[in-house]
């Protein structure tokens, strides 16, 4: 299983065929993991990926499973399992 590599930043275009865009606005996007990519934090496959360039983010509902976070120089990545 390939793992989402964030060691040199994160560019969604590198994973275009493996992730499906669900929602996008000016500073963030939500994606579904279509190919079972491994989480950069724990290595297990994740279900959803939230990517944000924003300084602050508020979530209105909590996921039912585990959450992993990864930080690049420019972005915060939140993976739900």
C-alpha atoms as a PDB file:
ATOM      1  CA  UNK A   1       0.000   0.000   0.000  1.00  0.00           C
ATOM      2  CA  UNK A   2       1.327   3.411  -0.970  1.00  0.00           C
ATOM      3  CA  UNK A   3       1.537   5.964   1.810  1.00  0.00           C
ATOM      4  CA  UNK A   4       0.640   9.637   1.406  1.00  0.00           C
ATOM      5  CA  UNK A   5       4.075  11.323   1.358  1.00  0.00           C
ATOM      6  CA  UNK A   6       4.187  14.768   2.968  1.00  0.00           C
ATOM      7  CA  UNK A   7       7.943  14.898   3.614  1.00  0.00           C
ATOM      8  CA  UNK A   8       8.359  17.508   0.873  1.00  0.00           C
ATOM      9  CA  UNK A   9       4.989  19.244   1.247  1.00  0.00           C
ATOM     10  CA  UNK A  10       1.656  18.145  -0.177  1.00  0.00           C
ATOM     11  CA  UNK A  11       0.362  18.656  -3.716  1.00  0.00           C
ATOM     12  CA  UNK A  12      -3.049  17.141  -4.384  1.00  0.00           C
ATOM     13  CA  UNK A  13      -2.161  16.788  -8.071  1.00  0.00           C
ATOM     14  CA  UNK A  14       0.427  14.146  -7.163  1.00  0.00           C
ATOM     15  CA  UNK A  15      -2.455  11.963  -5.928  1.00  0.00           C
ATOM     16  CA  UNK A  16      -5.127  13.001  -8.447  1.00  0.00           C
ATOM     17  CA  UNK A  17      -6.003   9.432  -9.480  1.00  0.00           C
ATOM     18  CA  UNK A  18      -6.151   8.134  -5.897  1.00  0.00           C
ATOM     19  CA  UNK A  19      -8.182  10.901  -4.219  1.00  0.00           C
ATOM     20  CA  UNK A  20     -11.641  12.174  -5.153  1.00  0.00           C
ATOM     21  CA  UNK A  21     -12.440  15.840  -4.518  1.00  0.00           C
ATOM     22  CA  UNK A  22     -15.599  16.179  -2.446  1.00  0.00           C
ATOM     23  CA  UNK A  23     -15.591  19.884  -1.586  1.00  0.00           C
ATOM     24  CA  UNK A  24     -13.291  22.859  -2.135  1.00  0.00           C
ATOM     25  CA  UNK A  25     -13.320  26.517  -1.142  1.00  0.00           C
ATOM     26  CA  UNK A  26     -10.710  29.270  -1.137  1.00  0.00           C
ATOM     27  CA  UNK A  27      -8.500  27.797   1.596  1.00  0.00           C
ATOM     28  CA  UNK A  28      -9.449  24.165   2.078  1.00  0.00           C
ATOM     29  CA  UNK A  29     -10.588  20.955   0.416  1.00  0.00           C
ATOM     30  CA  UNK A  30     -12.085  17.630   1.434  1.00  0.00           C
ATOM     31  CA  UNK A  31     -11.147  14.469  -0.423  1.00  0.00           C
ATOM     32  CA  UNK A  32     -12.124  10.789  -0.341  1.00  0.00           C
ATOM     33  CA  UNK A  33      -9.415   8.128  -0.424  1.00  0.00           C
ATOM     34  CA  UNK A  34     -10.372   5.941  -3.417  1.00  0.00           C
ATOM     35  CA  UNK A  35      -7.267   3.764  -3.486  1.00  0.00           C
ATOM     36  CA  UNK A  36      -6.575   2.966   0.175  1.00  0.00           C
ATOM     37  CA  UNK A  37      -3.583   5.281   0.526  1.00  0.00           C
ATOM     38  CA  UNK A  38      -1.827   4.972   3.857  1.00  0.00           C
ATOM     39  CA  UNK A  39      -1.965   7.800   6.377  1.00  0.00           C
ATOM     40  CA  UNK A  40       1.283   9.805   6.683  1.00  0.00           C
ATOM     41  CA  UNK A  41       0.935   9.760  10.486  1.00  0.00           C
ATOM     42  CA  UNK A  42       0.010   6.147  11.337  1.00  0.00           C
ATOM     43  CA  UNK A  43       0.347   4.248   8.035  1.00  0.00           C
ATOM     44  CA  UNK A  44      -3.200   2.805   8.094  1.00  0.00           C
ATOM     45  CA  UNK A  45      -5.574   3.573   5.212  1.00  0.00           C
ATOM     46  CA  UNK A  46      -7.717   6.646   5.846  1.00  0.00           C
ATOM     47  CA  UNK A  47     -11.232   7.391   4.596  1.00  0.00           C
ATOM     48  CA  UNK A  48     -11.243  11.185   4.236  1.00  0.00           C
ATOM     49  CA  UNK A  49      -8.594  13.859   3.918  1.00  0.00           C
ATOM     50  CA  UNK A  50      -9.130  17.500   4.833  1.00  0.00           C
ATOM     51  CA  UNK A  51      -6.431  19.913   3.612  1.00  0.00           C
ATOM     52  CA  UNK A  52      -6.300  23.537   4.746  1.00  0.00           C
ATOM     53  CA  UNK A  53      -4.148  26.570   4.036  1.00  0.00           C
ATOM     54  CA  UNK A  54      -6.185  28.585   6.553  1.00  0.00           C
ATOM     55  CA  UNK A  55      -4.696  29.712   9.867  1.00  0.00           C
ATOM     56  CA  UNK A  56      -7.728  28.479  11.816  1.00  0.00           C
ATOM     57  CA  UNK A  57     -10.330  25.812  11.128  1.00  0.00           C
ATOM     58  CA  UNK A  58     -13.521  24.869  12.964  1.00  0.00           C
ATOM     59  CA  UNK A  59     -15.294  21.549  12.497  1.00  0.00           C
ATOM     60  CA  UNK A  60     -19.023  21.431  13.228  1.00  0.00           C
ATOM     61  CA  UNK A  61     -19.176  17.665  13.770  1.00  0.00           C
ATOM     62  CA  UNK A  62     -16.739  15.035  14.990  1.00  0.00           C
ATOM     63  CA  UNK A  63     -15.955  11.869  13.019  1.00  0.00           C
ATOM     64  CA  UNK A  64     -16.766   8.514  14.580  1.00  0.00           C
ATOM     65  CA  UNK A  65     -13.287   7.005  14.222  1.00  0.00           C
ATOM     66  CA  UNK A  66      -9.670   7.979  14.839  1.00  0.00           C
ATOM     67  CA  UNK A  67      -8.195  11.252  13.545  1.00  0.00           C
ATOM     68  CA  UNK A  68      -4.586  11.809  12.475  1.00  0.00           C
ATOM     69  CA  UNK A  69      -2.914  15.162  11.780  1.00  0.00           C
ATOM     70  CA  UNK A  70       0.048  15.964   9.551  1.00  0.00           C
ATOM     71  CA  UNK A  71       1.612  19.380   9.036  1.00  0.00           C
ATOM     72  CA  UNK A  72       3.638  20.648   6.108  1.00  0.00           C
ATOM     73  CA  UNK A  73       5.214  24.105   5.873  1.00  0.00           C
ATOM     74  CA  UNK A  74       2.082  25.422   4.136  1.00  0.00           C
ATOM     75  CA  UNK A  75      -0.800  23.138   5.043  1.00  0.00           C
ATOM     76  CA  UNK A  76      -2.572  21.206   7.750  1.00  0.00           C
ATOM     77  CA  UNK A  77      -3.819  17.748   6.792  1.00  0.00           C
ATOM     78  CA  UNK A  78      -6.499  15.945   8.824  1.00  0.00           C
ATOM     79  CA  UNK A  79      -7.136  12.288   8.058  1.00  0.00           C
ATOM     80  CA  UNK A  80     -10.197  10.453   9.383  1.00  0.00           C
ATOM     81  CA  UNK A  81     -10.184   6.667   9.656  1.00  0.00           C
END
